[in-house]
Amino acid sequence: MTLSSEQRIGEIVALRTKLKVNPSVRKELHAAMSAVLSKHGINYDPELSPELIFALPEEVADALADVILPGGTNC
């Protein structure tokens, strides 16, 4: 079953809310993500973890439409 656009937004909002109100789940998720990235040789600054969010592709596309990336390499 494919979710409608409104259902997809509702699901992602519910997930964001659950992560926001439950710091232990958020912390565990970030630790698991860090472990997986490390396992695959991908390093990143752990201070970025609190800044990471779940987003739908169209949210990212809409946000990038207004951003000028270095070197004029907009996606």
N, C-alpha and C. Protein backbone atom coordinates (compact mmCIF):
# COMPACT_ATOMS: atom_id res chain seq x y z
N MET A 1 0.84 -1.19 0.00
CA MET A 1 0.00 0.00 0.00
C MET A 1 0.88 1.24 0.00
N THR A 2 0.65 2.12 -0.93
CA THR A 2 1.39 3.37 -1.04
C THR A 2 0.68 4.45 -0.24
N LEU A 3 1.45 5.17 0.55
CA LEU A 3 0.88 6.25 1.36
C LEU A 3 0.67 7.49 0.50
N SER A 4 -0.38 8.23 0.80
CA SER A 4 -0.61 9.50 0.12
C SER A 4 0.41 10.50 0.65
N SER A 5 0.51 11.62 -0.02
CA SER A 5 1.44 12.67 0.39
C SER A 5 1.14 13.12 1.82
N GLU A 6 -0.13 13.30 2.12
CA GLU A 6 -0.52 13.72 3.47
C GLU A 6 -0.17 12.67 4.51
N GLN A 7 -0.36 11.39 4.16
CA GLN A 7 -0.02 10.30 5.09
C GLN A 7 1.50 10.24 5.31
N ARG A 8 2.27 10.42 4.25
CA ARG A 8 3.73 10.40 4.38
C ARG A 8 4.20 11.52 5.30
N ILE A 9 3.64 12.71 5.10
CA ILE A 9 3.99 13.84 5.96
C ILE A 9 3.59 13.55 7.40
N GLY A 10 2.41 13.00 7.59
CA GLY A 10 1.95 12.65 8.94
C GLY A 10 2.88 11.65 9.61
N GLU A 11 3.34 10.65 8.86
CA GLU A 11 4.24 9.64 9.42
C GLU A 11 5.58 10.25 9.82
N ILE A 12 6.13 11.10 8.97
CA ILE A 12 7.43 11.68 9.27
C ILE A 12 7.32 12.67 10.43
N VAL A 13 6.22 13.40 10.51
CA VAL A 13 6.01 14.32 11.63
C VAL A 13 5.89 13.52 12.93
N ALA A 14 5.17 12.41 12.90
CA ALA A 14 5.03 11.58 14.10
C ALA A 14 6.38 11.03 14.54
N LEU A 15 7.20 10.59 13.57
CA LEU A 15 8.53 10.08 13.90
C LEU A 15 9.40 11.18 14.49
N ARG A 16 9.40 12.34 13.88
CA ARG A 16 10.19 13.46 14.42
C ARG A 16 9.75 13.81 15.84
N THR A 17 8.45 13.82 16.06
CA THR A 17 7.93 14.15 17.38
C THR A 17 8.36 13.13 18.42
N LYS A 18 8.27 11.85 18.07
CA LYS A 18 8.68 10.80 19.01
C LYS A 18 10.15 10.92 19.36
N LEU A 19 10.98 11.23 18.38
CA LEU A 19 12.41 11.39 18.64
C LEU A 19 12.68 12.64 19.47
N LYS A 20 11.90 13.68 19.26
CA LYS A 20 12.11 14.92 19.99
C LYS A 20 11.74 14.79 21.46
N VAL A 21 10.65 14.07 21.74
CA VAL A 21 10.18 13.96 23.12
C VAL A 21 10.83 12.82 23.90
N ASN A 22 11.59 11.98 23.21
CA ASN A 22 12.23 10.85 23.89
C ASN A 22 13.73 10.89 23.64
N PRO A 23 14.46 11.64 24.45
CA PRO A 23 15.90 11.81 24.24
C PRO A 23 16.68 10.50 24.27
N SER A 24 16.22 9.52 25.04
CA SER A 24 16.97 8.25 25.09
C SER A 24 16.88 7.50 23.77
N VAL A 25 15.73 7.55 23.13
CA VAL A 25 15.58 6.91 21.81
C VAL A 25 16.45 7.64 20.79
N ARG A 26 16.41 8.96 20.84
CA ARG A 26 17.22 9.76 19.91
C ARG A 26 18.71 9.46 20.10
N LYS A 27 19.14 9.40 21.35
CA LYS A 27 20.55 9.12 21.64
C LYS A 27 20.93 7.72 21.15
N GLU A 28 20.07 6.75 21.38
CA GLU A 28 20.34 5.38 20.93
C GLU A 28 20.38 5.30 19.40
N LEU A 29 19.48 6.01 18.74
CA LEU A 29 19.47 6.04 17.28
C LEU A 29 20.76 6.63 16.73
N HIS A 30 21.21 7.74 17.31
CA HIS A 30 22.44 8.37 16.85
C HIS A 30 23.66 7.47 17.12
N ALA A 31 23.65 6.76 18.23
CA ALA A 31 24.75 5.84 18.53
C ALA A 31 24.78 4.70 17.51
N ALA A 32 23.61 4.17 17.18
CA ALA A 32 23.54 3.09 16.20
C ALA A 32 23.98 3.58 14.82
N MET A 33 23.55 4.77 14.46
CA MET A 33 23.95 5.34 13.17
C MET A 33 25.46 5.54 13.13
N SER A 34 26.02 6.04 14.20
CA SER A 34 27.46 6.25 14.28
C SER A 34 28.21 4.93 14.14
N ALA A 35 27.71 3.88 14.78
CA ALA A 35 28.34 2.57 14.70
C ALA A 35 28.32 2.02 13.28
N VAL A 36 27.19 2.17 12.59
CA VAL A 36 27.08 1.67 11.21
C VAL A 36 28.02 2.45 10.29
N LEU A 37 28.04 3.77 10.43
CA LEU A 37 28.92 4.57 9.59
C LEU A 37 30.38 4.22 9.85
N SER A 38 30.74 4.07 11.11
CA SER A 38 32.11 3.72 11.47
C SER A 38 32.49 2.36 10.90
N LYS A 39 31.57 1.41 10.98
CA LYS A 39 31.80 0.07 10.44
C LYS A 39 32.14 0.12 8.96
N HIS A 40 31.59 1.07 8.25
CA HIS A 40 31.81 1.21 6.81
C HIS A 40 32.86 2.25 6.47
N GLY A 41 33.61 2.66 7.48
CA GLY A 41 34.72 3.59 7.24
C GLY A 41 34.31 5.01 6.95
N ILE A 42 33.11 5.37 7.35
CA ILE A 42 32.62 6.73 7.12
C ILE A 42 32.73 7.50 8.43
N ASN A 43 33.55 8.53 8.42
CA ASN A 43 33.73 9.34 9.62
C ASN A 43 32.96 10.64 9.49
N TYR A 44 32.39 11.06 10.60
CA TYR A 44 31.72 12.35 10.64
C TYR A 44 31.83 12.90 12.05
N ASP A 45 31.66 14.18 12.18
CA ASP A 45 31.75 14.83 13.49
C ASP A 45 30.51 14.47 14.31
N PRO A 46 30.69 13.82 15.47
CA PRO A 46 29.54 13.42 16.28
C PRO A 46 28.68 14.61 16.74
N GLU A 47 29.25 15.78 16.72
CA GLU A 47 28.46 16.95 17.10
C GLU A 47 27.37 17.25 16.07
N LEU A 48 27.46 16.63 14.89
CA LEU A 48 26.42 16.80 13.87
C LEU A 48 25.17 15.99 14.19
N SER A 49 25.30 14.94 14.98
CA SER A 49 24.17 14.04 15.26
C SER A 49 22.90 14.76 15.69
N PRO A 50 22.99 15.69 16.64
CA PRO A 50 21.74 16.37 17.04
C PRO A 50 21.12 17.19 15.91
N GLU A 51 21.90 17.52 14.90
CA GLU A 51 21.41 18.34 13.79
C GLU A 51 20.73 17.51 12.70
N LEU A 52 20.93 16.19 12.72
CA LEU A 52 20.36 15.35 11.69
C LEU A 52 18.86 15.15 11.93
N ILE A 53 18.09 15.18 10.84
CA ILE A 53 16.65 15.00 10.95
C ILE A 53 16.18 14.02 9.87
N PHE A 54 15.02 13.48 10.07
CA PHE A 54 14.37 12.68 9.04
C PHE A 54 13.58 13.63 8.17
N ALA A 55 13.73 13.49 6.86
CA ALA A 55 13.03 14.37 5.94
C ALA A 55 12.58 13.58 4.72
N LEU A 56 11.50 14.02 4.15
CA LEU A 56 11.01 13.46 2.90
C LEU A 56 11.79 14.09 1.75
N PRO A 57 11.97 13.36 0.66
CA PRO A 57 12.74 13.91 -0.46
C PRO A 57 12.23 15.27 -0.93
N GLU A 58 10.94 15.46 -0.96
CA GLU A 58 10.41 16.73 -1.44
C GLU A 58 10.73 17.88 -0.47
N GLU A 59 10.86 17.57 0.82
CA GLU A 59 11.25 18.61 1.78
C GLU A 59 12.68 19.07 1.49
N VAL A 60 13.54 18.13 1.21
CA VAL A 60 14.94 18.46 0.91
C VAL A 60 15.01 19.23 -0.40
N ALA A 61 14.29 18.78 -1.41
CA ALA A 61 14.30 19.45 -2.70
C ALA A 61 13.80 20.89 -2.57
N ASP A 62 12.74 21.07 -1.80
CA ASP A 62 12.20 22.42 -1.60
C ASP A 62 13.21 23.30 -0.88
N ALA A 63 13.89 22.76 0.12
CA ALA A 63 14.88 23.53 0.88
C ALA A 63 16.08 23.87 0.01
N LEU A 64 16.52 22.95 -0.83
CA LEU A 64 17.68 23.18 -1.68
C LEU A 64 17.39 24.16 -2.81
N ALA A 65 16.13 24.31 -3.15
CA ALA A 65 15.79 25.21 -4.24
C ALA A 65 16.21 26.65 -3.94
N ASP A 66 16.27 26.99 -2.66
CA ASP A 66 16.61 28.35 -2.26
C ASP A 66 18.06 28.52 -1.83
N VAL A 67 18.83 27.46 -1.87
CA VAL A 67 20.21 27.50 -1.39
C VAL A 67 21.17 27.56 -2.58
N ILE A 68 22.15 28.41 -2.48
CA ILE A 68 23.19 28.48 -3.49
C ILE A 68 24.40 27.72 -2.93
N LEU A 69 24.70 26.60 -3.53
CA LEU A 69 25.82 25.80 -3.08
C LEU A 69 27.13 26.36 -3.61
N PRO A 70 28.25 26.09 -2.91
CA PRO A 70 29.55 26.59 -3.37
C PRO A 70 29.85 26.13 -4.79
N GLY A 71 30.40 27.00 -5.56
CA GLY A 71 30.77 26.66 -6.93
C GLY A 71 29.60 26.56 -7.89
N GLY A 72 28.41 26.95 -7.44
CA GLY A 72 27.24 26.90 -8.32
C GLY A 72 26.80 25.51 -8.68
N THR A 73 26.95 24.55 -7.75
CA THR A 73 26.63 23.16 -8.04
C THR A 73 25.28 22.75 -7.45
N ASN A 74 24.27 23.58 -7.62
CA ASN A 74 22.95 23.22 -7.07
C ASN A 74 22.45 21.94 -7.69
N CYS A 75 21.78 21.15 -6.87
CA CYS A 75 21.23 19.86 -7.31
C CYS A 75 19.90 20.06 -7.98
